[in-house]
């Protein structure tokens, strides 16, 4: 049984220029926006291939409002080595003012306190490698997302 996780994310900035996806290099200069995120809560041990819940909105990521695509198609995540991470958009909302918020599950290869990964957005979706959301849940027999 997986250990319980209570973790918070901190946005710490970004300066990485490439990320690898299946051996191919993705030029992160195509993204207009990038941030590094760090797990800063208490993680008991190290969890392998763990789906981490990431809530995205202007209160969590400065500069998010007005810069995200309406459907999240330009959103990508990479680990600290630049490897593309699988993710699933669970909820994506655009309000009447155009503000976008999202709930995204990101599969991190190794989750522990201090784990760093990056979130990138603002590139042309057609130029980005596809991400299969089912890859987030390969270690699970069933996954149900219940609405709030």
Protein backbone atom coordinates (compact mmCIF):
# COMPACT_ATOMS: atom_id res chain seq x y z
CA UNK A 1 0.00 0.00 0.00
CA UNK A 2 1.28 3.44 -0.89
CA UNK A 3 2.25 5.68 2.02
CA UNK A 4 0.11 8.70 2.68
CA UNK A 5 1.49 11.93 1.34
CA UNK A 6 1.05 15.38 2.72
CA UNK A 7 3.07 17.73 0.55
CA UNK A 8 3.02 21.35 -0.49
CA UNK A 9 4.53 22.83 -3.61
CA UNK A 10 6.63 25.96 -3.74
CA UNK A 11 7.30 27.85 -6.94
CA UNK A 12 11.02 28.65 -7.11
CA UNK A 13 11.73 29.96 -10.65
CA UNK A 14 13.18 28.35 -13.78
CA UNK A 15 16.22 28.50 -16.02
CA UNK A 16 16.29 25.14 -17.83
CA UNK A 17 16.57 25.31 -21.63
CA UNK A 18 15.86 21.78 -22.87
CA UNK A 19 13.92 18.74 -21.80
CA UNK A 20 14.07 15.20 -23.12
CA UNK A 21 11.06 13.22 -24.24
CA UNK A 22 11.62 9.66 -25.35
CA UNK A 23 15.16 10.46 -26.51
CA UNK A 24 14.09 13.55 -28.44
CA UNK A 25 15.00 17.02 -27.23
CA UNK A 26 12.25 19.56 -26.61
CA UNK A 27 13.38 23.17 -26.90
CA UNK A 28 11.96 24.89 -23.83
CA UNK A 29 12.66 28.29 -25.35
CA UNK A 30 9.40 27.64 -27.24
CA UNK A 31 7.58 28.08 -23.92
CA UNK A 32 6.85 31.65 -22.92
CA UNK A 33 6.39 30.63 -19.26
CA UNK A 34 8.29 28.20 -17.02
CA UNK A 35 8.47 27.67 -13.27
CA UNK A 36 10.24 25.19 -11.03
CA UNK A 37 8.15 23.58 -8.31
CA UNK A 38 9.46 21.90 -5.16
CA UNK A 39 7.79 19.49 -2.76
CA UNK A 40 8.19 21.14 0.65
CA UNK A 41 5.91 19.09 2.91
CA UNK A 42 6.59 15.95 4.92
CA UNK A 43 7.04 12.92 2.68
CA UNK A 44 7.72 9.75 4.65
CA UNK A 45 10.47 8.05 2.64
CA UNK A 46 10.66 8.03 -1.14
CA UNK A 47 7.72 7.13 -3.36
CA UNK A 48 8.40 5.78 -6.86
CA UNK A 49 6.32 6.77 -9.91
CA UNK A 50 3.89 8.73 -7.78
CA UNK A 51 0.93 10.71 -9.21
CA UNK A 52 1.19 14.13 -7.53
CA UNK A 53 -1.80 16.47 -7.46
CA UNK A 54 -0.93 19.98 -8.70
CA UNK A 55 -3.46 22.82 -8.37
CA UNK A 56 -2.78 25.66 -10.77
CA UNK A 57 -4.23 29.16 -10.57
CA UNK A 58 -3.06 32.73 -10.13
CA UNK A 59 -2.80 32.35 -6.33
CA UNK A 60 -0.35 29.42 -6.77
CA UNK A 61 1.53 30.49 -9.91
CA UNK A 62 2.16 34.20 -10.46
CA UNK A 63 1.69 35.18 -14.11
CA UNK A 64 -0.64 32.28 -14.79
CA UNK A 65 -3.75 34.41 -15.39
CA UNK A 66 -4.20 35.33 -19.03
CA UNK A 67 -1.20 33.27 -20.18
CA UNK A 68 -2.53 29.72 -20.11
CA UNK A 69 -4.29 28.15 -23.08
CA UNK A 70 -8.06 27.82 -22.63
CA UNK A 71 -7.85 23.99 -22.76
CA UNK A 72 -4.41 23.30 -21.23
CA UNK A 73 -3.04 21.81 -24.45
CA UNK A 74 0.24 23.74 -24.12
CA UNK A 75 0.98 22.55 -20.57
CA UNK A 76 3.97 20.25 -20.02
CA UNK A 77 5.93 19.05 -16.95
CA UNK A 78 9.54 17.88 -16.72
CA UNK A 79 11.66 16.47 -13.87
CA UNK A 80 14.87 18.14 -12.64
CA UNK A 81 16.84 16.30 -15.33
CA UNK A 82 14.60 17.67 -18.09
CA UNK A 83 12.70 14.44 -18.79
CA UNK A 84 9.09 14.97 -19.88
CA UNK A 85 6.61 13.75 -17.24
CA UNK A 86 3.23 12.22 -17.92
CA UNK A 87 0.29 14.26 -16.66
CA UNK A 88 -3.49 14.16 -16.69
CA UNK A 89 -5.68 17.24 -16.56
CA UNK A 90 -8.44 16.31 -14.11
CA UNK A 91 -10.24 19.68 -14.18
CA UNK A 92 -9.72 22.79 -16.30
CA UNK A 93 -11.86 25.88 -15.88
CA UNK A 94 -11.98 29.28 -17.54
CA UNK A 95 -14.19 31.79 -15.74
CA UNK A 96 -16.06 34.75 -17.24
CA UNK A 97 -13.03 37.02 -16.77
CA UNK A 98 -10.79 34.60 -18.71
CA UNK A 99 -8.88 33.37 -15.63
CA UNK A 100 -7.82 29.74 -16.01
CA UNK A 101 -7.45 27.24 -13.17
CA UNK A 102 -6.58 23.58 -13.30
CA UNK A 103 -6.19 20.42 -11.30
CA UNK A 104 -3.49 18.23 -12.82
CA UNK A 105 -2.02 14.87 -11.81
CA UNK A 106 1.71 14.67 -12.59
CA UNK A 107 3.57 11.36 -12.40
CA UNK A 108 6.92 12.08 -10.75
CA UNK A 109 9.54 9.31 -10.96
CA UNK A 110 10.74 9.83 -7.39
CA UNK A 111 8.78 11.79 -4.82
CA UNK A 112 10.38 12.89 -1.57
CA UNK A 113 10.73 16.14 0.35
CA UNK A 114 12.74 18.44 -1.90
CA UNK A 115 11.69 16.84 -5.20
CA UNK A 116 11.93 19.48 -7.94
CA UNK A 117 10.10 19.51 -11.26
CA UNK A 118 9.13 22.17 -13.73
CA UNK A 119 5.90 23.31 -15.30
CA UNK A 120 5.99 24.91 -18.75
CA UNK A 121 3.24 26.58 -20.78
CA UNK A 122 2.77 29.10 -23.54
CA UNK A 123 4.10 27.16 -26.57
CA UNK A 124 2.22 26.20 -29.71
CA UNK A 125 0.52 22.85 -28.87
CA UNK A 126 1.10 21.51 -32.39
CA UNK A 127 4.88 21.79 -31.82
CA UNK A 128 4.86 19.80 -28.57
CA UNK A 129 5.23 16.04 -28.05
CA UNK A 130 2.06 14.23 -27.11
CA UNK A 131 1.57 13.22 -23.48
CA UNK A 132 -0.53 10.13 -22.79
CA UNK A 133 -2.57 10.81 -19.63
CA UNK A 134 -3.05 7.07 -19.04
CA UNK A 135 0.72 6.83 -18.34
CA UNK A 136 0.07 8.59 -15.02
CA UNK A 137 -1.88 5.59 -13.74
CA UNK A 138 0.08 2.56 -15.04
CA UNK A 139 0.63 1.15 -11.53
CA UNK A 140 -3.06 1.24 -10.55
CA UNK A 141 -5.94 -1.14 -11.24
CA UNK A 142 -8.55 1.60 -11.02
CA UNK A 143 -8.67 5.36 -10.60
CA UNK A 144 -11.77 7.45 -9.93
CA UNK A 145 -11.83 11.23 -9.85
CA UNK A 146 -14.74 12.53 -7.84
CA UNK A 147 -15.96 16.09 -8.43
CA UNK A 148 -15.73 18.61 -5.63
